[in-house]
Amino acid sequence: MLTRRHFIQTGASLAVLTPLGVSAHVGAPHTTPESFDPVVKRIRDDVAPGSIHVFPEYFVLYFVTEPGVAIEYHVAVGDAGRNLKGGATIRRKEEWPSWTPTQNMIRREPEKYAKYAGGVPGGPDNPLGARALYLYRGNRDTYYRIHGTPQPWTIGTAVSSGCIRLKNEHVIGLYDRVKLGAPVKVY
């Protein structure tokens, strides 16, 4: 099993061991908007290019671009106990996707979600933001997504019903890089 400690590249220049071993601020409160910008990081050489690795505990997602290199994105994740764990595959991608809360979301928080039971069309105010990457296990939709958000101030927090949120401008960049069939691992 690949753990966050094993995901990182270790070396003399690395003072703190985080998912990639470089960024001491990972998992700590962010104080400047610049801290949310994607950053290229060195990782282990044996992590597959094209794969996505999410560490909810640290509010980070890594997209592996080539052996030993990944782009680190800061994300918002689900409240405790609501996050997907394990492996999945990107089987669908949508630009400005529509959104409908799941029956579980409506049942759990009817005051928040029942009014959207008929769905919300895609657009700048849609909860899925500018792009969505749909996570599947086999041919079954998990109802978890990697998506944008019209609420960028939520990045770095555990606020969603389990999906992985990025700033809209960051999810657009990720969307353009990720291929259908890309493996995703949530730790």
N, C-alpha and C. Protein backbone atom coordinates (compact mmCIF):
# COMPACT_ATOMS: atom_id res chain seq x y z
N MET A 1 0.85 -1.18 0.00
CA MET A 1 0.00 0.00 0.00
C MET A 1 0.89 1.24 0.00
N LEU A 2 0.58 2.16 -0.87
CA LEU A 2 1.33 3.40 -0.96
C LEU A 2 0.79 4.37 0.08
N THR A 3 1.58 4.69 1.08
CA THR A 3 1.16 5.66 2.09
C THR A 3 1.71 7.02 1.72
N ARG A 4 1.24 8.06 2.41
CA ARG A 4 1.73 9.39 2.09
C ARG A 4 3.22 9.49 2.33
N ARG A 5 3.75 8.79 3.34
CA ARG A 5 5.18 8.82 3.60
C ARG A 5 5.95 8.16 2.46
N HIS A 6 5.37 7.11 1.87
CA HIS A 6 6.02 6.43 0.76
C HIS A 6 5.85 7.16 -0.56
N PHE A 7 4.86 8.02 -0.65
CA PHE A 7 4.59 8.76 -1.87
C PHE A 7 5.65 9.83 -2.12
N ILE A 8 6.19 10.36 -1.04
CA ILE A 8 7.12 11.48 -1.15
C ILE A 8 8.48 11.03 -1.65
N GLN A 9 9.25 11.98 -2.11
CA GLN A 9 10.64 11.74 -2.42
C GLN A 9 11.42 12.23 -1.21
N THR A 10 12.22 11.37 -0.61
CA THR A 10 13.00 11.80 0.54
C THR A 10 14.38 12.23 0.08
N GLY A 11 15.01 13.06 0.86
CA GLY A 11 16.34 13.53 0.52
C GLY A 11 16.83 14.52 1.56
N ALA A 12 18.11 14.85 1.51
CA ALA A 12 18.73 15.72 2.50
C ALA A 12 18.10 17.10 2.54
N SER A 13 17.60 17.57 1.43
CA SER A 13 17.06 18.93 1.39
C SER A 13 15.63 19.02 1.92
N LEU A 14 15.02 17.89 2.28
CA LEU A 14 13.64 17.90 2.71
C LEU A 14 13.57 17.95 4.24
N ALA A 15 13.06 19.06 4.75
CA ALA A 15 13.01 19.25 6.19
C ALA A 15 11.79 18.62 6.83
N VAL A 16 10.67 18.57 6.10
CA VAL A 16 9.42 18.07 6.64
C VAL A 16 8.87 16.99 5.72
N LEU A 17 8.43 15.88 6.28
CA LEU A 17 7.85 14.83 5.47
C LEU A 17 6.34 15.01 5.41
N THR A 18 5.86 15.50 4.28
CA THR A 18 4.45 15.66 3.99
C THR A 18 4.17 14.71 2.83
N PRO A 19 2.99 14.75 2.22
CA PRO A 19 2.77 13.83 1.11
C PRO A 19 3.85 13.89 0.03
N LEU A 20 4.46 15.03 -0.18
CA LEU A 20 5.58 15.11 -1.12
C LEU A 20 6.87 15.51 -0.43
N GLY A 21 6.82 15.76 0.86
CA GLY A 21 8.03 15.99 1.62
C GLY A 21 8.63 17.37 1.53
N VAL A 22 7.99 18.29 0.85
CA VAL A 22 8.62 19.58 0.63
C VAL A 22 7.90 20.71 1.34
N SER A 23 6.61 20.68 1.35
CA SER A 23 5.81 21.84 1.71
C SER A 23 5.35 21.77 3.16
N ALA A 24 5.98 22.53 4.04
CA ALA A 24 5.65 22.50 5.45
C ALA A 24 4.25 23.00 5.74
N HIS A 25 3.67 23.80 4.83
CA HIS A 25 2.34 24.36 5.07
C HIS A 25 1.21 23.40 4.76
N VAL A 26 1.50 22.27 4.16
CA VAL A 26 0.44 21.33 3.81
C VAL A 26 -0.25 20.87 5.08
N GLY A 27 -1.56 20.99 5.10
CA GLY A 27 -2.35 20.57 6.24
C GLY A 27 -2.48 21.65 7.30
N ALA A 28 -1.74 22.73 7.15
CA ALA A 28 -1.83 23.84 8.10
C ALA A 28 -2.73 24.92 7.52
N PRO A 29 -3.24 25.80 8.35
CA PRO A 29 -4.09 26.87 7.82
C PRO A 29 -3.34 27.71 6.79
N HIS A 30 -4.04 28.07 5.73
CA HIS A 30 -3.44 28.88 4.68
C HIS A 30 -3.75 30.34 4.97
N THR A 31 -2.77 31.18 4.79
CA THR A 31 -2.97 32.58 5.14
C THR A 31 -2.93 33.52 3.95
N THR A 32 -2.45 33.05 2.81
CA THR A 32 -2.39 33.92 1.64
C THR A 32 -2.98 33.20 0.44
N PRO A 33 -3.61 33.94 -0.49
CA PRO A 33 -4.15 33.29 -1.69
C PRO A 33 -3.06 32.58 -2.50
N GLU A 34 -1.84 33.07 -2.46
CA GLU A 34 -0.76 32.44 -3.23
C GLU A 34 -0.50 31.01 -2.77
N SER A 35 -0.79 30.73 -1.49
CA SER A 35 -0.53 29.39 -0.98
C SER A 35 -1.44 28.35 -1.64
N PHE A 36 -2.47 28.79 -2.34
CA PHE A 36 -3.37 27.87 -3.03
C PHE A 36 -2.94 27.60 -4.47
N ASP A 37 -1.97 28.31 -4.98
CA ASP A 37 -1.57 28.11 -6.37
C ASP A 37 -0.94 26.73 -6.56
N PRO A 38 -1.22 26.07 -7.70
CA PRO A 38 -0.58 24.78 -7.96
C PRO A 38 0.94 24.93 -8.00
N VAL A 39 1.62 23.90 -7.52
CA VAL A 39 3.07 23.90 -7.45
C VAL A 39 3.58 22.57 -7.99
N VAL A 40 4.64 22.60 -8.77
CA VAL A 40 5.29 21.38 -9.26
C VAL A 40 6.17 20.85 -8.14
N LYS A 41 6.03 19.55 -7.84
CA LYS A 41 6.77 18.91 -6.75
C LYS A 41 7.48 17.66 -7.25
N ARG A 42 8.60 17.34 -6.60
CA ARG A 42 9.29 16.07 -6.86
C ARG A 42 8.64 15.00 -6.00
N ILE A 43 8.39 13.83 -6.60
CA ILE A 43 7.84 12.70 -5.88
C ILE A 43 8.67 11.47 -6.23
N ARG A 44 8.26 10.34 -5.69
CA ARG A 44 8.94 9.09 -6.02
C ARG A 44 8.84 8.83 -7.52
N ASP A 45 9.86 8.22 -8.08
CA ASP A 45 9.89 7.93 -9.52
C ASP A 45 8.95 6.81 -9.94
N ASP A 46 8.49 6.00 -9.01
CA ASP A 46 7.68 4.84 -9.38
C ASP A 46 6.17 5.07 -9.29
N VAL A 47 5.74 6.32 -9.12
CA VAL A 47 4.30 6.62 -9.12
C VAL A 47 3.88 6.89 -10.56
N ALA A 48 2.84 6.24 -11.01
CA ALA A 48 2.45 6.24 -12.42
C ALA A 48 2.04 7.62 -12.94
N PRO A 49 2.66 8.06 -14.04
CA PRO A 49 2.22 9.30 -14.69
C PRO A 49 0.75 9.19 -15.10
N GLY A 50 0.04 10.31 -14.99
CA GLY A 50 -1.37 10.34 -15.33
C GLY A 50 -2.28 9.98 -14.17
N SER A 51 -1.71 9.54 -13.06
CA SER A 51 -2.53 9.17 -11.90
C SER A 51 -2.76 10.38 -11.00
N ILE A 52 -3.84 10.28 -10.22
CA ILE A 52 -4.21 11.32 -9.26
C ILE A 52 -4.19 10.71 -7.87
N HIS A 53 -3.61 11.44 -6.92
CA HIS A 53 -3.51 10.98 -5.53
C HIS A 53 -4.02 12.10 -4.63
N VAL A 54 -5.01 11.76 -3.79
CA VAL A 54 -5.63 12.75 -2.91
C VAL A 54 -5.36 12.37 -1.46
N PHE A 55 -4.88 13.34 -0.69
CA PHE A 55 -4.64 13.18 0.73
C PHE A 55 -5.55 14.14 1.49
N PRO A 56 -6.80 13.69 1.79
CA PRO A 56 -7.77 14.58 2.44
C PRO A 56 -7.26 15.19 3.74
N GLU A 57 -6.48 14.45 4.49
CA GLU A 57 -5.94 14.93 5.76
C GLU A 57 -5.11 16.20 5.57
N TYR A 58 -4.51 16.34 4.41
CA TYR A 58 -3.64 17.49 4.11
C TYR A 58 -4.27 18.47 3.13
N PHE A 59 -5.49 18.17 2.66
CA PHE A 59 -6.18 19.04 1.71
C PHE A 59 -5.37 19.25 0.44
N VAL A 60 -4.77 18.17 -0.08
CA VAL A 60 -3.98 18.26 -1.31
C VAL A 60 -4.32 17.12 -2.26
N LEU A 61 -4.17 17.42 -3.53
CA LEU A 61 -4.33 16.48 -4.63
C LEU A 61 -3.08 16.59 -5.48
N TYR A 62 -2.53 15.45 -5.89
CA TYR A 62 -1.35 15.43 -6.76
C TYR A 62 -1.72 14.78 -8.08
N PHE A 63 -1.41 15.46 -9.16
CA PHE A 63 -1.54 14.88 -10.48
C PHE A 63 -0.13 14.62 -10.99
N VAL A 64 0.17 13.34 -11.25
CA VAL A 64 1.52 12.95 -11.65
C VAL A 64 1.68 13.21 -13.15
N THR A 65 2.62 14.09 -13.49
CA THR A 65 2.81 14.49 -14.89
C THR A 65 3.85 13.66 -15.62
N GLU A 66 4.84 13.17 -14.88
CA GLU A 66 5.90 12.33 -15.44
C GLU A 66 6.57 11.62 -14.28
N PRO A 67 7.40 10.61 -14.55
CA PRO A 67 8.04 9.93 -13.42
C PRO A 67 8.78 10.93 -12.52
N GLY A 68 8.44 10.90 -11.23
CA GLY A 68 9.12 11.74 -10.26
C GLY A 68 8.61 13.17 -10.16
N VAL A 69 7.54 13.52 -10.91
CA VAL A 69 7.06 14.90 -10.90
C VAL A 69 5.53 14.91 -10.82
N ALA A 70 5.00 15.80 -9.95
CA ALA A 70 3.55 15.95 -9.82
C ALA A 70 3.22 17.41 -9.60
N ILE A 71 1.99 17.75 -9.96
CA ILE A 71 1.48 19.08 -9.64
C ILE A 71 0.64 18.94 -8.38
N GLU A 72 0.92 19.77 -7.39
CA GLU A 72 0.18 19.78 -6.13
C GLU A 72 -0.89 20.85 -6.21
N TYR A 73 -2.13 20.43 -5.97
CA TYR A 73 -3.28 21.35 -5.92
C TYR A 73 -3.84 21.33 -4.50
N HIS A 74 -4.25 22.44 -4.00
CA HIS A 74 -4.95 22.50 -2.71
C HIS A 74 -6.44 22.33 -2.96
N VAL A 75 -7.09 21.58 -2.08
CA VAL A 75 -8.48 21.20 -2.28
C VAL A 75 -9.29 21.37 -0.99
N ALA A 76 -10.60 21.34 -1.15
CA ALA A 76 -11.52 21.15 -0.03
C ALA A 76 -12.00 19.71 -0.14
N VAL A 77 -12.32 19.11 0.99
CA VAL A 77 -12.74 17.71 1.02
C VAL A 77 -14.01 17.59 1.84
N GLY A 78 -14.49 16.37 1.98
CA GLY A 78 -15.71 16.13 2.74
C GLY A 78 -15.50 16.19 4.23
N ASP A 79 -16.60 16.42 4.93
CA ASP A 79 -16.58 16.34 6.39
C ASP A 79 -16.10 14.95 6.80
N ALA A 80 -15.62 14.82 8.01
CA ALA A 80 -15.14 13.54 8.52
C ALA A 80 -16.18 12.45 8.26
N GLY A 81 -15.72 11.32 7.72
CA GLY A 81 -16.59 10.19 7.46
C GLY A 81 -17.35 10.24 6.16
N ARG A 82 -17.20 11.32 5.39
CA ARG A 82 -17.94 11.43 4.12
C ARG A 82 -17.04 11.30 2.89
N ASN A 83 -15.76 11.10 3.08
CA ASN A 83 -14.84 11.04 1.95
C ASN A 83 -14.75 9.63 1.37
N LEU A 84 -14.64 9.58 0.06
CA LEU A 84 -14.33 8.33 -0.63
C LEU A 84 -12.92 7.92 -0.21
N LYS A 85 -12.70 6.64 -0.03
CA LYS A 85 -11.36 6.13 0.25
C LYS A 85 -11.08 5.00 -0.72
N GLY A 86 -9.82 4.88 -1.11
CA GLY A 86 -9.43 3.81 -1.99
C GLY A 86 -9.33 4.25 -3.43
N GLY A 87 -9.42 3.28 -4.32
CA GLY A 87 -9.21 3.54 -5.73
C GLY A 87 -10.49 3.81 -6.50
N ALA A 88 -10.32 4.55 -7.59
CA ALA A 88 -11.41 4.84 -8.52
C ALA A 88 -10.77 5.18 -9.87
N THR A 89 -11.61 5.41 -10.85
CA THR A 89 -11.14 5.73 -12.20
C THR A 89 -11.98 6.88 -12.75
N ILE A 90 -11.34 7.77 -13.48
CA ILE A 90 -12.06 8.85 -14.16
C ILE A 90 -12.71 8.23 -15.40
N ARG A 91 -14.04 8.15 -15.42
CA ARG A 91 -14.77 7.57 -16.54
C ARG A 91 -15.54 8.61 -17.34
N ARG A 92 -15.69 9.81 -16.78
CA ARG A 92 -16.44 10.86 -17.47
C ARG A 92 -15.88 12.21 -17.05
N LYS A 93 -15.92 13.17 -17.98
CA LYS A 93 -15.50 14.54 -17.72
C LYS A 93 -16.55 15.48 -18.31
N GLU A 94 -16.87 16.55 -17.60
CA GLU A 94 -17.87 17.50 -18.08
C GLU A 94 -17.39 18.93 -17.85
N GLU A 95 -17.64 19.78 -18.86
CA GLU A 95 -17.43 21.21 -18.73
C GLU A 95 -18.74 21.85 -18.28
N TRP A 96 -18.69 22.72 -17.29
CA TRP A 96 -19.86 23.38 -16.72
C TRP A 96 -20.99 22.38 -16.50
N PRO A 97 -20.72 21.36 -15.66
CA PRO A 97 -21.69 20.28 -15.46
C PRO A 97 -22.92 20.74 -14.69
N SER A 98 -24.02 20.03 -14.91
CA SER A 98 -25.20 20.23 -14.07
C SER A 98 -24.98 19.44 -12.79
N TRP A 99 -25.80 19.69 -11.79
CA TRP A 99 -25.63 19.03 -10.50
C TRP A 99 -26.99 18.73 -9.88
N THR A 100 -27.11 17.54 -9.34
CA THR A 100 -28.29 17.15 -8.58
C THR A 100 -27.79 16.48 -7.30
N PRO A 101 -28.26 16.91 -6.13
CA PRO A 101 -27.82 16.26 -4.90
C PRO A 101 -28.29 14.81 -4.88
N THR A 102 -27.52 13.95 -4.24
CA THR A 102 -27.91 12.55 -4.13
C THR A 102 -29.06 12.42 -3.13
N GLN A 103 -29.75 11.29 -3.19
CA GLN A 103 -30.83 11.03 -2.23
C GLN A 103 -30.29 11.02 -0.80
N ASN A 104 -29.07 10.51 -0.61
CA ASN A 104 -28.47 10.52 0.73
C ASN A 104 -28.25 11.94 1.23
N MET A 105 -27.80 12.84 0.35
CA MET A 105 -27.59 14.23 0.74
C MET A 105 -28.92 14.86 1.15
N ILE A 106 -29.96 14.61 0.37
CA ILE A 106 -31.28 15.18 0.66
C ILE A 106 -31.82 14.60 1.97
N ARG A 107 -31.66 13.31 2.17
CA ARG A 107 -32.14 12.66 3.40
C ARG A 107 -31.37 13.17 4.63
N ARG A 108 -30.06 13.34 4.49
CA ARG A 108 -29.21 13.77 5.61
C ARG A 108 -29.43 15.23 5.97
N GLU A 109 -29.58 16.10 4.96
CA GLU A 109 -29.72 17.54 5.21
C GLU A 109 -30.81 18.13 4.30
N PRO A 110 -32.08 17.77 4.57
CA PRO A 110 -33.17 18.22 3.69
C PRO A 110 -33.29 19.74 3.61
N GLU A 111 -33.04 20.43 4.69
CA GLU A 111 -33.13 21.89 4.69
C GLU A 111 -32.12 22.53 3.74
N LYS A 112 -31.02 21.86 3.51
CA LYS A 112 -29.97 22.39 2.63
C LYS A 112 -30.14 21.94 1.18
N TYR A 113 -30.55 20.67 0.97
CA TYR A 113 -30.50 20.10 -0.37
C TYR A 113 -31.84 19.84 -1.04
N ALA A 114 -32.93 19.73 -0.31
CA ALA A 114 -34.23 19.37 -0.91
C ALA A 114 -34.64 20.34 -2.01
N LYS A 115 -34.36 21.62 -1.86
CA LYS A 115 -34.76 22.60 -2.87
C LYS A 115 -34.04 22.39 -4.20
N TYR A 116 -32.95 21.61 -4.21
CA TYR A 116 -32.20 21.34 -5.44
C TYR A 116 -32.48 19.96 -6.01
N ALA A 117 -33.48 19.26 -5.48
CA ALA A 117 -33.76 17.88 -5.90
C ALA A 117 -33.98 17.75 -7.41
N GLY A 118 -34.47 18.80 -8.05
CA GLY A 118 -34.68 18.78 -9.50
C GLY A 118 -33.42 19.08 -10.30
N GLY A 119 -32.33 19.41 -9.61
CA GLY A 119 -31.06 19.67 -10.28
C GLY A 119 -30.79 21.16 -10.45
N VAL A 120 -29.53 21.46 -10.73
CA VAL A 120 -29.07 22.82 -10.97
C VAL A 120 -28.32 22.80 -12.29
N PRO A 121 -28.69 23.64 -13.25
CA PRO A 121 -27.97 23.65 -14.53
C PRO A 121 -26.53 24.13 -14.36
N GLY A 122 -25.69 23.73 -15.30
CA GLY A 122 -24.30 24.18 -15.27
C GLY A 122 -24.20 25.69 -15.38
N GLY A 123 -23.14 26.25 -14.82
CA GLY A 123 -22.94 27.69 -14.86
C GLY A 123 -22.09 28.13 -13.68
N PRO A 124 -21.79 29.43 -13.61
CA PRO A 124 -20.86 29.91 -12.58
C PRO A 124 -21.33 29.73 -11.14
N ASP A 125 -22.63 29.56 -10.91
CA ASP A 125 -23.12 29.38 -9.55
C ASP A 125 -23.39 27.92 -9.19
N ASN A 126 -23.16 27.02 -10.12
CA ASN A 126 -23.38 25.60 -9.89
C ASN A 126 -22.35 25.07 -8.89
N PRO A 127 -22.76 24.23 -7.92
CA PRO A 127 -21.82 23.71 -6.93
C PRO A 127 -20.64 22.92 -7.52
N LEU A 128 -20.78 22.37 -8.73
CA LEU A 128 -19.66 21.63 -9.32
C LEU A 128 -18.68 22.53 -10.05
N GLY A 129 -18.99 23.80 -10.14
CA GLY A 129 -18.05 24.74 -10.74
C GLY A 129 -17.85 24.53 -12.23
N ALA A 130 -16.66 24.90 -12.69
CA ALA A 130 -16.36 24.96 -14.12
C ALA A 130 -16.14 23.60 -14.78
N ARG A 131 -15.68 22.62 -14.03
CA ARG A 131 -15.38 21.30 -14.59
C ARG A 131 -15.62 20.24 -13.53
N ALA A 132 -15.92 19.02 -14.00
CA ALA A 132 -16.06 17.88 -13.09
C ALA A 132 -15.44 16.64 -13.71
N LEU A 133 -14.75 15.90 -12.88
CA LEU A 133 -14.18 14.60 -13.23
C LEU A 133 -14.94 13.57 -12.38
N TYR A 134 -15.59 12.63 -13.02
CA TYR A 134 -16.49 11.69 -12.36
C TYR A 134 -15.74 10.41 -11.99
N LEU A 135 -15.84 10.02 -10.71
CA LEU A 135 -15.11 8.86 -10.21
C LEU A 135 -15.99 7.62 -10.23
N TYR A 136 -15.47 6.57 -10.85
CA TYR A 136 -16.17 5.30 -10.98
C TYR A 136 -15.34 4.18 -10.37
N ARG A 137 -16.04 3.16 -9.93
CA ARG A 137 -15.41 1.88 -9.57
C ARG A 137 -16.01 0.86 -10.51
N GLY A 138 -15.18 0.34 -11.40
CA GLY A 138 -15.69 -0.50 -12.47
C GLY A 138 -16.58 0.36 -13.34
N ASN A 139 -17.80 -0.10 -13.60
CA ASN A 139 -18.75 0.70 -14.39
C ASN A 139 -19.77 1.41 -13.51
N ARG A 140 -19.53 1.44 -12.21
CA ARG A 140 -20.47 2.03 -11.26
C ARG A 140 -20.01 3.42 -10.83
N ASP A 141 -20.88 4.40 -11.02
CA ASP A 141 -20.61 5.77 -10.58
C ASP A 141 -20.60 5.79 -9.06
N THR A 142 -19.55 6.35 -8.47
CA THR A 142 -19.46 6.43 -7.01
C THR A 142 -20.24 7.64 -6.47
N TYR A 143 -20.63 8.55 -7.34
CA TYR A 143 -21.26 9.83 -6.99
C TYR A 143 -20.28 10.78 -6.30
N TYR A 144 -19.00 10.44 -6.33
CA TYR A 144 -17.96 11.35 -5.89
C TYR A 144 -17.34 11.98 -7.12
N ARG A 145 -16.93 13.24 -6.97
CA ARG A 145 -16.37 14.00 -8.09
C ARG A 145 -15.13 14.75 -7.64
N ILE A 146 -14.26 15.02 -8.59
CA ILE A 146 -13.24 16.04 -8.43
C ILE A 146 -13.77 17.18 -9.26
N HIS A 147 -14.01 18.33 -8.64
CA HIS A 147 -14.70 19.40 -9.37
C HIS A 147 -14.27 20.77 -8.89
N GLY A 148 -14.72 21.77 -9.62
CA GLY A 148 -14.48 23.16 -9.24
C GLY A 148 -15.46 23.60 -8.18
N THR A 149 -15.35 24.86 -7.80
CA THR A 149 -16.29 25.40 -6.83
C THR A 149 -16.47 26.90 -7.04
N PRO A 150 -17.71 27.39 -6.87
CA PRO A 150 -17.93 28.83 -6.89
C PRO A 150 -17.61 29.45 -5.52
N GLN A 151 -17.10 28.63 -4.59
CA GLN A 151 -16.76 29.08 -3.24
C GLN A 151 -15.28 28.81 -2.95
N PRO A 152 -14.38 29.57 -3.58
CA PRO A 152 -12.94 29.30 -3.41
C PRO A 152 -12.45 29.43 -1.98
N TRP A 153 -13.16 30.15 -1.13
CA TRP A 153 -12.74 30.31 0.26
C TRP A 153 -12.85 29.01 1.05
N THR A 154 -13.50 27.97 0.47
CA THR A 154 -13.61 26.70 1.16
C THR A 154 -12.38 25.82 0.98
N ILE A 155 -11.49 26.18 0.06
CA ILE A 155 -10.28 25.38 -0.18
C ILE A 155 -9.47 25.32 1.11
N GLY A 156 -8.98 24.13 1.44
CA GLY A 156 -8.23 23.94 2.67
C GLY A 156 -9.11 23.59 3.85
N THR A 157 -10.39 23.26 3.58
CA THR A 157 -11.31 22.91 4.67
C THR A 157 -12.05 21.62 4.35
N ALA A 158 -12.69 21.06 5.37
CA ALA A 158 -13.51 19.86 5.22
C ALA A 158 -14.97 20.30 5.32
N VAL A 159 -15.59 20.58 4.16
CA VAL A 159 -16.93 21.16 4.16
C VAL A 159 -17.91 20.47 3.23
N SER A 160 -17.45 19.68 2.31
CA SER A 160 -18.36 19.14 1.30
C SER A 160 -19.00 17.84 1.78
N SER A 161 -19.85 17.29 0.94
CA SER A 161 -20.47 15.99 1.24
C SER A 161 -19.58 14.85 0.78
N GLY A 162 -18.34 15.13 0.50
CA GLY A 162 -17.39 14.08 0.17
C GLY A 162 -16.61 14.30 -1.11
N CYS A 163 -17.07 15.18 -1.98
CA CYS A 163 -16.35 15.44 -3.22
C CYS A 163 -15.08 16.23 -2.94
N ILE A 164 -14.22 16.27 -3.93
CA ILE A 164 -12.94 16.95 -3.84
C ILE A 164 -13.04 18.21 -4.68
N ARG A 165 -12.95 19.38 -4.05
CA ARG A 165 -13.13 20.67 -4.72
C ARG A 165 -11.80 21.37 -4.96
N LEU A 166 -11.68 21.99 -6.11
CA LEU A 166 -10.55 22.86 -6.43
C LEU A 166 -11.10 24.22 -6.84
N LYS A 167 -10.26 25.23 -6.78
CA LYS A 167 -10.65 26.52 -7.35
C LYS A 167 -10.96 26.30 -8.83
N ASN A 168 -11.93 27.05 -9.37
CA ASN A 168 -12.33 26.85 -10.76
C ASN A 168 -11.16 26.93 -11.74
N GLU A 169 -10.29 27.93 -11.58
CA GLU A 169 -9.17 28.05 -12.52
C GLU A 169 -8.21 26.86 -12.41
N HIS A 170 -8.13 26.24 -11.25
CA HIS A 170 -7.25 25.08 -11.09
C HIS A 170 -7.89 23.81 -11.66
N VAL A 171 -9.20 23.64 -11.46
CA VAL A 171 -9.83 22.45 -12.01
C VAL A 171 -9.85 22.49 -13.54
N ILE A 172 -9.90 23.68 -14.13
CA ILE A 172 -9.82 23.78 -15.59
C ILE A 172 -8.48 23.26 -16.08
N GLY A 173 -7.39 23.64 -15.40
CA GLY A 173 -6.07 23.14 -15.78
C GLY A 173 -5.94 21.64 -15.58
N LEU A 174 -6.46 21.14 -14.47
CA LEU A 174 -6.40 19.70 -14.21
C LEU A 174 -7.24 18.95 -15.24
N TYR A 175 -8.42 19.43 -15.51
CA TYR A 175 -9.33 18.81 -16.48
C TYR A 175 -8.65 18.64 -17.85
N ASP A 176 -7.93 19.66 -18.26
CA ASP A 176 -7.25 19.60 -19.55
C ASP A 176 -6.12 18.57 -19.57
N ARG A 177 -5.55 18.26 -18.42
CA ARG A 177 -4.42 17.32 -18.34
C ARG A 177 -4.87 15.86 -18.17
N VAL A 178 -5.98 15.65 -17.47
CA VAL A 178 -6.41 14.30 -17.10
C VAL A 178 -7.09 13.60 -18.27
N LYS A 179 -6.69 12.36 -18.49
CA LYS A 179 -7.29 11.54 -19.54
C LYS A 179 -8.38 10.64 -18.95
N LEU A 180 -9.39 10.32 -19.77
CA LEU A 180 -10.37 9.33 -19.35
C LEU A 180 -9.63 8.03 -19.05
N GLY A 181 -10.03 7.35 -18.00
CA GLY A 181 -9.36 6.12 -17.58
C GLY A 181 -8.28 6.36 -16.55
N ALA A 182 -8.00 7.61 -16.21
CA ALA A 182 -6.95 7.90 -15.23
C ALA A 182 -7.29 7.30 -13.87
N PRO A 183 -6.32 6.64 -13.25
CA PRO A 183 -6.56 6.09 -11.91
C PRO A 183 -6.49 7.18 -10.85
N VAL A 184 -7.35 7.05 -9.84
CA VAL A 184 -7.39 7.97 -8.72
C VAL A 184 -7.28 7.17 -7.45
N LYS A 185 -6.49 7.64 -6.50
CA LYS A 185 -6.37 6.99 -5.19
C LYS A 185 -6.60 8.04 -4.13
N VAL A 186 -7.56 7.78 -3.24
CA VAL A 186 -7.83 8.67 -2.12
C VAL A 186 -7.40 7.94 -0.86
N TYR A 187 -6.50 8.55 -0.10
CA TYR A 187 -5.88 7.91 1.05
C TYR A 187 -6.61 8.20 2.34
